[in-house]
Amino acid sequence: MKRIVLMSMILVGLVWAGPLAALDYKGPRIEIKEMRYDLGKVDQGAQVSQVFEVKNVGSEQLIIEKVQPT
């Protein structure tokens, strides 16, 4: 019984540790409104584009070194 209570306390601590640690995060932090966009059916050779809004909500400069479409 003690083991179950201890494991439960550890799990609750881990669940709360993530959001609390994010509050004090120092450094760059990226925020992207849309992570995916479906262009639908595209004819071969057609040029398509989509603009993604990327914002740095962190406290330091954000450097994007590589972008890879899928």
C-alpha atoms as a PDB file:
ATOM      1  CA  MET A   1       0.000   0.000   0.000  1.00  0.00           C
ATOM      2  CA  LYS A   2       2.827   2.403   0.865  1.00  0.00           C
ATOM      3  CA  ARG A   3       4.416   1.669  -2.496  1.00  0.00           C
ATOM      4  CA  ILE A   4       1.214   2.662  -4.360  1.00  0.00           C
ATOM      5  CA  VAL A   5       0.942   5.916  -2.412  1.00  0.00           C
ATOM      6  CA  LEU A   6       4.601   6.716  -3.070  1.00  0.00           C
ATOM      7  CA  MET A   7       4.279   5.966  -6.803  1.00  0.00           C
ATOM      8  CA  SER A   8       1.148   8.132  -6.984  1.00  0.00           C
ATOM      9  CA  MET A   9       2.952  11.033  -5.315  1.00  0.00           C
ATOM     10  CA  ILE A  10       5.869  10.711  -7.728  1.00  0.00           C
ATOM     11  CA  LEU A  11       3.548  10.684 -10.755  1.00  0.00           C
ATOM     12  CA  VAL A  12       1.653  13.758  -9.523  1.00  0.00           C
ATOM     13  CA  GLY A  13       4.977  15.527  -8.936  1.00  0.00           C
ATOM     14  CA  LEU A  14       6.149  14.743 -12.461  1.00  0.00           C
ATOM     15  CA  VAL A  15       2.889  15.958 -13.985  1.00  0.00           C
ATOM     16  CA  TRP A  16       3.165  19.304 -12.169  1.00  0.00           C
ATOM     17  CA  ALA A  17       6.921  19.700 -12.673  1.00  0.00           C
ATOM     18  CA  GLY A  18       6.644  20.239 -16.450  1.00  0.00           C
ATOM     19  CA  PRO A  19       4.340  23.293 -16.429  1.00  0.00           C
ATOM     20  CA  LEU A  20       6.105  24.839 -13.442  1.00  0.00           C
ATOM     21  CA  ALA A  21       9.516  24.471 -15.054  1.00  0.00           C
ATOM     22  CA  ALA A  22       8.218  26.142 -18.235  1.00  0.00           C
ATOM     23  CA  LEU A  23       7.297  29.260 -16.270  1.00  0.00           C
ATOM     24  CA  ASP A  24      10.935  29.994 -15.423  1.00  0.00           C
ATOM     25  CA  TYR A  25      12.368  28.983 -18.800  1.00  0.00           C
ATOM     26  CA  LYS A  26      15.111  31.291 -20.022  1.00  0.00           C
ATOM     27  CA  GLY A  27      16.165  31.255 -23.644  1.00  0.00           C
ATOM     28  CA  PRO A  28      14.443  31.182 -27.009  1.00  0.00           C
ATOM     29  CA  ARG A  29      11.033  29.556 -27.268  1.00  0.00           C
ATOM     30  CA  ILE A  30       9.220  29.096 -30.556  1.00  0.00           C
ATOM     31  CA  GLU A  31       5.471  29.453 -30.967  1.00  0.00           C
ATOM     32  CA  ILE A  32       3.788  28.397 -34.215  1.00  0.00           C
ATOM     33  CA  LYS A  33       0.038  28.902 -34.653  1.00  0.00           C
ATOM     34  CA  GLU A  34      -0.407  26.185 -37.302  1.00  0.00           C
ATOM     35  CA  MET A  35       1.973  23.249 -37.276  1.00  0.00           C
ATOM     36  CA  ARG A  36       0.446  21.657 -40.399  1.00  0.00           C
ATOM     37  CA  TYR A  37      -1.351  22.789 -43.502  1.00  0.00           C
ATOM     38  CA  ASP A  38      -2.920  20.489 -46.088  1.00  0.00           C
ATOM     39  CA  LEU A  39      -2.569  21.902 -49.594  1.00  0.00           C
ATOM     40  CA  GLY A  40      -4.884  19.223 -50.933  1.00  0.00           C
ATOM     41  CA  LYS A  41      -4.335  17.727 -54.379  1.00  0.00           C
ATOM     42  CA  VAL A  42      -1.525  19.508 -56.225  1.00  0.00           C
ATOM     43  CA  ASP A  43      -0.685  18.925 -59.873  1.00  0.00           C
ATOM     44  CA  GLN A  44       2.859  17.791 -60.556  1.00  0.00           C
ATOM     45  CA  GLY A  45       5.132  20.744 -61.270  1.00  0.00           C
ATOM     46  CA  ALA A  46       2.758  23.296 -59.733  1.00  0.00           C
ATOM     47  CA  GLN A  47       4.265  25.761 -57.296  1.00  0.00           C
ATOM     48  CA  VAL A  48       2.470  26.030 -53.990  1.00  0.00           C
ATOM     49  CA  SER A  49       3.201  27.986 -50.846  1.00  0.00           C
ATOM     50  CA  GLN A  50       1.865  28.558 -47.370  1.00  0.00           C
ATOM     51  CA  VAL A  51       2.875  31.177 -44.832  1.00  0.00           C
ATOM     52  CA  PHE A  52       3.372  30.030 -41.249  1.00  0.00           C
ATOM     53  CA  GLU A  53       3.450  32.578 -38.455  1.00  0.00           C
ATOM     54  CA  VAL A  54       6.458  31.899 -36.248  1.00  0.00           C
ATOM     55  CA  LYS A  55       6.984  33.875 -33.060  1.00  0.00           C
ATOM     56  CA  ASN A  56       9.736  33.880 -30.459  1.00  0.00           C
ATOM     57  CA  VAL A  57       8.046  34.042 -27.053  1.00  0.00           C
ATOM     58  CA  GLY A  58      11.262  33.383 -25.160  1.00  0.00           C
ATOM     59  CA  SER A  59      13.700  35.730 -23.506  1.00  0.00           C
ATOM     60  CA  GLU A  60      16.623  35.259 -25.924  1.00  0.00           C
ATOM     61  CA  GLN A  61      17.186  35.388 -29.689  1.00  0.00           C
ATOM     62  CA  LEU A  62      15.641  32.511 -31.644  1.00  0.00           C
ATOM     63  CA  ILE A  63      17.753  31.209 -34.524  1.00  0.00           C
ATOM     64  CA  ILE A  64      16.097  28.875 -37.037  1.00  0.00           C
ATOM     65  CA  GLU A  65      18.886  26.957 -38.751  1.00  0.00           C
ATOM     66  CA  LYS A  66      16.974  24.412 -40.814  1.00  0.00           C
ATOM     67  CA  VAL A  67      13.436  23.937 -42.129  1.00  0.00           C
ATOM     68  CA  GLN A  68      12.389  20.678 -43.713  1.00  0.00           C
ATOM     69  CA  PRO A  69       9.002  20.250 -45.430  1.00  0.00           C
ATOM     70  CA  THR A  70       7.336  16.845 -45.433  1.00  0.00           C
END
